[in-house]
């Protein structure tokens, strides 16, 4: 697949069972159709992740226009767009649909019970009722759990180690998040903050234009650290990093991709690795596996990234022991 090759489907596939259709593709040259429901508004905004997913499928032998057709859709973080584009993919009769984030997976679960769906970046698939359990999904959805909130204590401990004077931390939340997920984040980070003697202040961020204002409010509230959560904030990483630096706040994220733009550190899964595994799930389903029988996978490797340039700009001296434990140091 090439990034600019976006194909709009104009007809419907034969109404064959998935395994039979996959086999038909292998024997008659029929290309499998894979829908991908992203979260940003364009291929350019998703370039880092789209390239990773493309390579993952390339490595499995899928060639755009030959044995696979990719149907990429970009909802621009808009709930109504998630729904309309998800419906479009379902009506296109895709063989498998990839939901990159939780909002897409939740909408797809509501509108199809037959087309297999593989979710990639979902913090709590059981809590959001996407699957019955991690071991036995039980429906047409399966994929990856990123255990985002389960690592809340570790992220705050790492931040406290880097900023010994840390006393007040902002939790910047994307307002478009599922309400239950948002509440779970507030609860988990509040408990983690209390455990290390830090006060947590949640701030909801409704739009990209509100990002700098949220950091400004956090700084005015005396916050010297911030946890950044949500797909819109991940997509707006240049602005998030610039605002964190401008207001002299040490920012922490789940995703390493944000760190080079001005956050101090990240701790979580490697997104490229997640997308490789996502492609693997799709491959298994196209070869006949049922989503209900494919356990949801949890992370086996976590990555710590520290930006020394940001540390220096904030006047911080990162302890040698913390630097030594980092998987990547940006200098």
Protein backbone atom coordinates (compact mmCIF):
# COMPACT_ATOMS: atom_id res chain seq x y z
CA UNK A 1 0.00 0.00 0.00
CA UNK A 2 1.08 3.56 -0.69
CA UNK A 3 -0.14 6.34 1.55
CA UNK A 4 -1.76 8.35 -1.23
CA UNK A 5 -3.67 5.38 -2.66
CA UNK A 6 -7.10 5.89 -1.11
CA UNK A 7 -9.77 3.86 -2.82
CA UNK A 8 -13.48 4.54 -2.50
CA UNK A 9 -15.51 1.38 -2.93
CA UNK A 10 -18.43 1.64 -5.34
CA UNK A 11 -19.91 -1.85 -5.14
CA UNK A 12 -20.61 -4.59 -2.62
CA UNK A 13 -18.64 -7.81 -2.10
CA UNK A 14 -20.16 -11.24 -2.63
CA UNK A 15 -22.10 -12.26 0.46
CA UNK A 16 -19.85 -15.18 1.40
CA UNK A 17 -18.71 -16.25 4.87
CA UNK A 18 -15.45 -14.56 5.84
CA UNK A 19 -13.28 -17.69 5.77
CA UNK A 20 -14.66 -18.62 2.35
CA UNK A 21 -14.06 -15.12 1.05
CA UNK A 22 -10.47 -15.17 2.32
CA UNK A 23 -9.91 -18.51 0.65
CA UNK A 24 -11.51 -17.21 -2.53
CA UNK A 25 -9.08 -14.33 -2.50
CA UNK A 26 -6.15 -16.71 -2.16
CA UNK A 27 -7.30 -18.90 -5.07
CA UNK A 28 -9.05 -16.56 -7.49
CA UNK A 29 -7.13 -13.35 -7.05
CA UNK A 30 -9.92 -11.53 -5.21
CA UNK A 31 -8.43 -8.80 -3.04
CA UNK A 32 -9.38 -8.70 0.64
CA UNK A 33 -10.98 -5.45 1.77
CA UNK A 34 -9.68 -3.95 5.00
CA UNK A 35 -11.35 -0.86 6.41
CA UNK A 36 -9.35 1.40 8.74
CA UNK A 37 -11.16 3.93 10.91
CA UNK A 38 -8.52 6.39 12.11
CA UNK A 39 -9.05 9.30 14.50
CA UNK A 40 -7.41 12.37 12.91
CA UNK A 41 -8.65 14.23 9.86
CA UNK A 42 -6.23 13.21 7.11
CA UNK A 43 -3.49 10.84 6.02
CA UNK A 44 -0.96 13.61 6.56
CA UNK A 45 -1.96 13.99 10.21
CA UNK A 46 -1.76 10.22 10.68
CA UNK A 47 1.47 9.82 8.69
CA UNK A 48 3.64 8.29 11.44
CA UNK A 49 1.01 5.73 12.35
CA UNK A 50 -0.30 5.11 8.85
CA UNK A 51 3.23 4.37 7.62
CA UNK A 52 3.74 1.93 10.52
CA UNK A 53 0.50 0.09 9.74
CA UNK A 54 1.28 0.03 6.03
CA UNK A 55 4.68 -1.52 6.66
CA UNK A 56 3.17 -4.09 9.02
CA UNK A 57 0.81 -5.29 6.29
CA UNK A 58 3.57 -5.12 3.67
CA UNK A 59 5.69 -7.41 5.83
CA UNK A 60 2.81 -9.91 5.94
CA UNK A 61 2.65 -10.00 2.15
CA UNK A 62 -0.33 -7.72 1.55
CA UNK A 63 0.09 -5.62 -1.60
CA UNK A 64 -2.32 -2.73 -2.22
CA UNK A 65 -4.29 -3.28 -5.43
CA UNK A 66 -3.10 -6.87 -5.79
CA UNK A 67 -4.35 -8.98 -2.89
CA UNK A 68 -5.75 -6.23 -0.65
CA UNK A 69 -7.73 -3.00 -0.89
CA UNK A 70 -7.47 -0.60 2.06
CA UNK A 71 -10.42 1.66 2.81
CA UNK A 72 -9.00 4.47 4.98
CA UNK A 73 -11.39 6.83 6.73
CA UNK A 74 -10.44 9.92 8.78
CA UNK A 75 -13.09 11.22 11.24
CA UNK A 76 -11.16 14.28 12.47
CA UNK A 77 -12.01 13.50 16.11
CA UNK A 78 -15.69 14.24 15.48
CA UNK A 79 -18.17 11.81 17.02
CA UNK A 80 -20.67 12.22 14.18
CA UNK A 81 -17.88 11.53 11.69
CA UNK A 82 -16.87 8.39 13.55
CA UNK A 83 -20.44 7.16 13.19
CA UNK A 84 -20.97 8.11 9.54
CA UNK A 85 -17.60 6.76 8.39
CA UNK A 86 -18.01 3.57 10.41
CA UNK A 87 -21.40 3.08 8.73
CA UNK A 88 -19.76 3.69 5.35
CA UNK A 89 -17.19 0.96 6.02
CA UNK A 90 -19.87 -1.47 7.16
CA UNK A 91 -21.99 -0.77 4.08
CA UNK A 92 -18.89 -1.27 1.93
CA UNK A 93 -18.91 -4.86 3.20
CA UNK A 94 -15.27 -4.83 4.28
CA UNK A 95 -13.83 -8.20 5.27
CA UNK A 96 -12.30 -6.75 8.44
CA UNK A 97 -12.37 -3.26 9.95
CA UNK A 98 -9.54 -1.84 12.07
CA UNK A 99 -10.61 0.69 14.71
CA UNK A 100 -7.50 2.62 15.72
CA UNK A 101 -8.97 4.18 18.88
CA UNK A 102 -11.79 3.50 21.35
CA UNK A 103 -14.40 5.92 19.87
CA UNK A 104 -14.25 4.08 16.54
CA UNK A 105 -14.44 0.67 18.19
CA UNK A 106 -17.42 1.69 20.32
CA UNK A 107 -19.36 2.98 17.30
CA UNK A 108 -18.55 -0.10 15.22
CA UNK A 109 -19.77 -2.38 17.98
CA UNK A 110 -23.08 -0.50 17.93
CA UNK A 111 -23.65 -0.83 14.18
CA UNK A 112 -22.32 -4.27 13.24
CA UNK A 113 -22.34 -7.66 14.90
CA UNK A 114 -21.10 -9.58 11.85
CA UNK A 115 -18.06 -7.84 10.35
CA UNK A 116 -14.89 -8.61 12.36
CA UNK A 117 -13.42 -5.54 14.07
CA UNK A 118 -9.84 -5.30 15.39
CA UNK A 119 -9.20 -2.43 17.80
CA UNK A 120 -5.67 -1.13 18.28
CA UNK A 121 -5.42 1.55 20.98
CA UNK A 122 -8.11 0.94 23.61
CA UNK A 123 -7.34 1.52 27.32
CA UNK A 124 -10.12 -0.64 28.79
CA UNK A 125 -11.95 -2.93 26.32
CA UNK A 126 -13.82 -4.77 29.08
CA UNK A 127 -14.84 -1.61 30.95
CA UNK A 128 -16.16 -0.05 27.75
CA UNK A 129 -18.06 -3.29 26.97
CA UNK A 130 -16.24 -3.94 23.70
CA UNK A 131 -15.53 -7.53 24.78
CA UNK A 132 -16.90 -9.89 27.41
CA UNK A 133 -13.41 -10.59 28.76
CA UNK A 134 -9.82 -10.32 27.60
CA UNK A 135 -9.40 -14.09 27.38
CA UNK A 136 -12.76 -14.71 25.66
CA UNK A 137 -13.94 -11.65 23.69
CA UNK A 138 -17.14 -13.46 22.75
CA UNK A 139 -18.27 -11.35 19.79
CA UNK A 140 -17.02 -9.83 16.56
CA UNK A 141 -14.42 -7.56 18.23
CA UNK A 142 -10.91 -8.27 19.49
CA UNK A 143 -7.53 -6.54 19.48
CA UNK A 144 -5.09 -4.79 21.80
CA UNK A 145 -5.47 -3.32 25.28
CA UNK A 146 -3.00 -0.54 26.09
CA UNK A 147 -3.72 -0.58 29.87
CA UNK A 148 -3.37 3.21 29.90
CA UNK A 149 -4.79 3.92 33.34
CA UNK A 150 -3.19 0.85 34.96
CA UNK A 151 0.17 2.60 34.60
CA UNK A 152 -0.98 5.88 36.16
CA UNK A 153 1.00 5.31 39.36
CA UNK A 154 4.18 4.49 37.46
CA UNK A 155 3.92 7.59 35.28
CA UNK A 156 3.44 9.87 38.26
CA UNK A 157 6.30 8.20 40.13
CA UNK A 158 8.60 8.75 37.15
CA UNK A 159 7.54 12.39 36.97
CA UNK A 160 8.16 12.83 40.69
CA UNK A 161 11.61 11.29 40.28
CA UNK A 162 12.42 13.75 37.50
CA UNK A 163 10.86 16.72 39.34
CA UNK A 164 11.53 16.19 43.09
CA UNK A 165 9.70 19.43 44.00
CA UNK A 166 6.54 18.26 42.23
CA UNK A 167 3.47 19.16 44.28
CA UNK A 168 0.57 19.85 41.89
CA UNK A 169 -0.12 17.99 38.65
CA UNK A 170 -2.64 18.80 35.93
CA UNK A 171 -4.51 15.98 34.20
CA UNK A 172 -5.38 17.24 30.72
CA UNK A 173 -8.25 15.20 29.30
CA UNK A 174 -9.66 15.19 25.79
CA UNK A 175 -13.35 16.07 26.26
CA UNK A 176 -14.35 13.83 23.34
CA UNK A 177 -13.30 10.75 25.31
CA UNK A 178 -15.92 8.23 26.38
CA UNK A 179 -17.31 9.58 29.72
CA UNK A 180 -16.62 6.31 31.53
CA UNK A 181 -13.02 6.30 30.30
CA UNK A 182 -12.61 9.91 31.41
CA UNK A 183 -13.96 9.13 34.90
CA UNK A 184 -11.70 6.10 35.13
CA UNK A 185 -8.67 8.26 34.27
CA UNK A 186 -9.55 10.86 36.90
CA UNK A 187 -10.07 8.18 39.53
CA UNK A 188 -6.88 6.27 38.74
CA UNK A 189 -4.63 9.32 38.58
CA UNK A 190 -6.20 10.87 41.71
CA UNK A 191 -5.40 7.75 43.71
CA UNK A 192 -1.88 7.59 42.27
CA UNK A 193 -1.27 11.27 43.07
CA UNK A 194 -2.51 10.88 46.63
CA UNK A 195 -0.18 7.91 47.12
CA UNK A 196 2.91 10.05 46.40
CA UNK A 197 1.68 13.21 48.14
CA UNK A 198 0.78 15.18 45.02
CA UNK A 199 -2.43 17.14 44.34
CA UNK A 200 -4.16 16.36 41.03
CA UNK A 201 -6.16 18.97 39.07
CA UNK A 202 -8.19 17.67 36.09
CA UNK A 203 -8.72 19.98 33.10
CA UNK A 204 -10.97 19.09 30.16
CA UNK A 205 -9.81 20.24 26.73
CA UNK A 206 -12.65 20.53 24.22
CA UNK A 207 -10.82 21.58 21.04
CA UNK A 208 -7.28 22.13 19.74
CA UNK A 209 -7.80 25.88 20.21
CA UNK A 210 -8.27 25.29 23.95
CA UNK A 211 -4.96 23.51 24.50
CA UNK A 212 -2.85 26.55 25.34
CA UNK A 213 -5.57 27.92 27.58
CA UNK A 214 -5.63 24.66 29.53
CA UNK A 215 -1.89 24.78 30.11
CA UNK A 216 -2.15 28.45 31.06
CA UNK A 217 -4.88 27.63 33.61
CA UNK A 218 -2.79 24.74 34.96
CA UNK A 219 0.23 27.02 35.39
CA UNK A 220 -1.89 29.68 37.10
CA UNK A 221 -3.14 26.94 39.44
CA UNK A 222 0.44 26.19 40.46
CA UNK A 223 0.85 22.95 38.52
CA UNK A 224 4.47 22.15 37.66
CA UNK A 225 3.65 18.85 35.95
CA UNK A 226 0.95 17.53 33.61
CA UNK A 227 -0.35 14.18 32.41
CA UNK A 228 -1.77 14.41 28.87
CA UNK A 229 -4.51 11.92 27.91
CA UNK A 230 -6.72 11.50 24.85
CA UNK A 231 -6.49 10.95 21.10
CA UNK A 232 -7.17 14.59 20.14
CA UNK A 233 -4.28 15.69 22.36
CA UNK A 234 -2.12 12.97 20.82
CA UNK A 235 -2.96 14.24 17.37
CA UNK A 236 -2.17 17.84 18.36
CA UNK A 237 1.25 16.89 19.78
CA UNK A 238 3.17 19.89 18.33
CA UNK A 239 0.80 22.34 20.03
CA UNK A 240 0.70 20.30 23.24
CA UNK A 241 4.49 20.25 23.46
CA UNK A 242 4.86 23.93 22.63
CA UNK A 243 2.26 24.94 25.24
CA UNK A 244 3.83 22.76 27.93
CA UNK A 245 7.21 24.39 27.33
CA UNK A 246 5.79 27.90 27.09
CA UNK A 247 4.14 27.52 30.50
CA UNK A 248 7.14 25.68 32.00
CA UNK A 249 5.23 22.52 32.80
CA UNK A 250 6.87 19.10 32.77
CA UNK A 251 4.52 17.01 30.61
CA UNK A 252 4.10 13.24 30.56
CA UNK A 253 2.31 11.12 27.97
CA UNK A 254 1.57 7.51 27.18
CA UNK A 255 3.02 7.86 23.67
CA UNK A 256 6.68 8.41 22.79
CA UNK A 257 5.75 10.35 19.63
CA UNK A 258 4.71 13.34 21.76
CA UNK A 259 7.99 13.70 23.63
CA UNK A 260 10.10 15.18 20.87
CA UNK A 261 7.63 18.08 20.55
CA UNK A 262 8.17 19.46 24.05
CA UNK A 263 6.97 17.03 26.69
CA UNK A 264 9.45 15.83 29.28
CA UNK A 265 8.79 12.09 29.07
CA UNK A 266 6.51 9.24 28.12
CA UNK A 267 5.88 5.80 29.52
CA UNK A 268 3.80 3.22 27.73
CA UNK A 269 3.64 0.98 24.73
CA UNK A 270 5.38 1.53 21.43
CA UNK A 271 2.68 2.46 18.90
CA UNK A 272 4.56 0.87 15.99
CA UNK A 273 4.61 -2.41 17.88
CA UNK A 274 0.87 -2.12 18.55
CA UNK A 275 0.16 -1.61 14.86
CA UNK A 276 2.31 -4.58 13.88
CA UNK A 277 0.24 -6.75 16.23
CA UNK A 278 -2.97 -5.21 14.91
CA UNK A 279 -2.04 -6.27 11.37
CA UNK A 280 -1.30 -9.74 12.72
CA UNK A 281 -4.83 -10.02 14.14
CA UNK A 282 -6.31 -8.97 10.81
CA UNK A 283 -4.17 -11.54 9.01
CA UNK A 284 -5.39 -14.34 11.30
CA UNK A 285 -9.03 -13.36 10.78
CA UNK A 286 -8.65 -13.23 7.00
CA UNK A 287 -7.23 -16.75 7.20
CA UNK A 288 -10.28 -18.01 9.05
CA UNK A 289 -9.86 -17.24 12.76
CA UNK A 290 -12.89 -15.88 14.64
CA UNK A 291 -12.55 -12.69 16.72
CA UNK A 292 -14.45 -14.37 19.56
CA UNK A 293 -11.63 -16.93 19.83
CA UNK A 294 -8.71 -14.47 19.68
CA UNK A 295 -7.84 -13.19 23.19
CA UNK A 296 -7.28 -9.47 23.62
CA UNK A 297 -3.54 -8.94 24.00
CA UNK A 298 -2.02 -6.81 26.74
CA UNK A 299 1.41 -5.16 26.47
CA UNK A 300 4.50 -7.24 27.07
CA UNK A 301 7.00 -4.38 26.68
CA UNK A 302 6.84 -0.80 27.93
CA UNK A 303 8.99 2.09 26.78
CA UNK A 304 10.37 5.08 28.74
CA UNK A 305 11.44 8.11 26.69
CA UNK A 306 13.04 11.22 28.21
CA UNK A 307 13.70 14.53 26.46
CA UNK A 308 16.88 16.09 27.90
CA UNK A 309 16.39 19.24 25.83
CA UNK A 310 13.11 19.85 27.62
CA UNK A 311 14.67 19.03 30.99
CA UNK A 312 17.38 21.63 30.37
CA UNK A 313 14.83 24.22 29.25
CA UNK A 314 12.89 23.64 32.47
CA UNK A 315 16.04 23.78 34.61
CA UNK A 316 15.72 20.13 35.65
CA UNK A 317 18.55 17.71 36.34
CA UNK A 318 17.42 14.20 35.52
CA UNK A 319 18.89 11.66 37.99
CA UNK A 320 21.47 9.35 36.37
CA UNK A 321 19.53 6.29 37.54
CA UNK A 322 16.42 7.51 35.73
CA UNK A 323 18.39 8.23 32.56
CA UNK A 324 19.96 4.79 32.72
CA UNK A 325 16.51 3.16 32.82
CA UNK A 326 15.26 5.05 29.75
CA UNK A 327 14.77 3.19 26.47
CA UNK A 328 15.38 6.41 24.53
CA UNK A 329 16.93 9.75 25.50
CA UNK A 330 16.40 12.74 23.22
CA UNK A 331 19.39 15.09 23.42
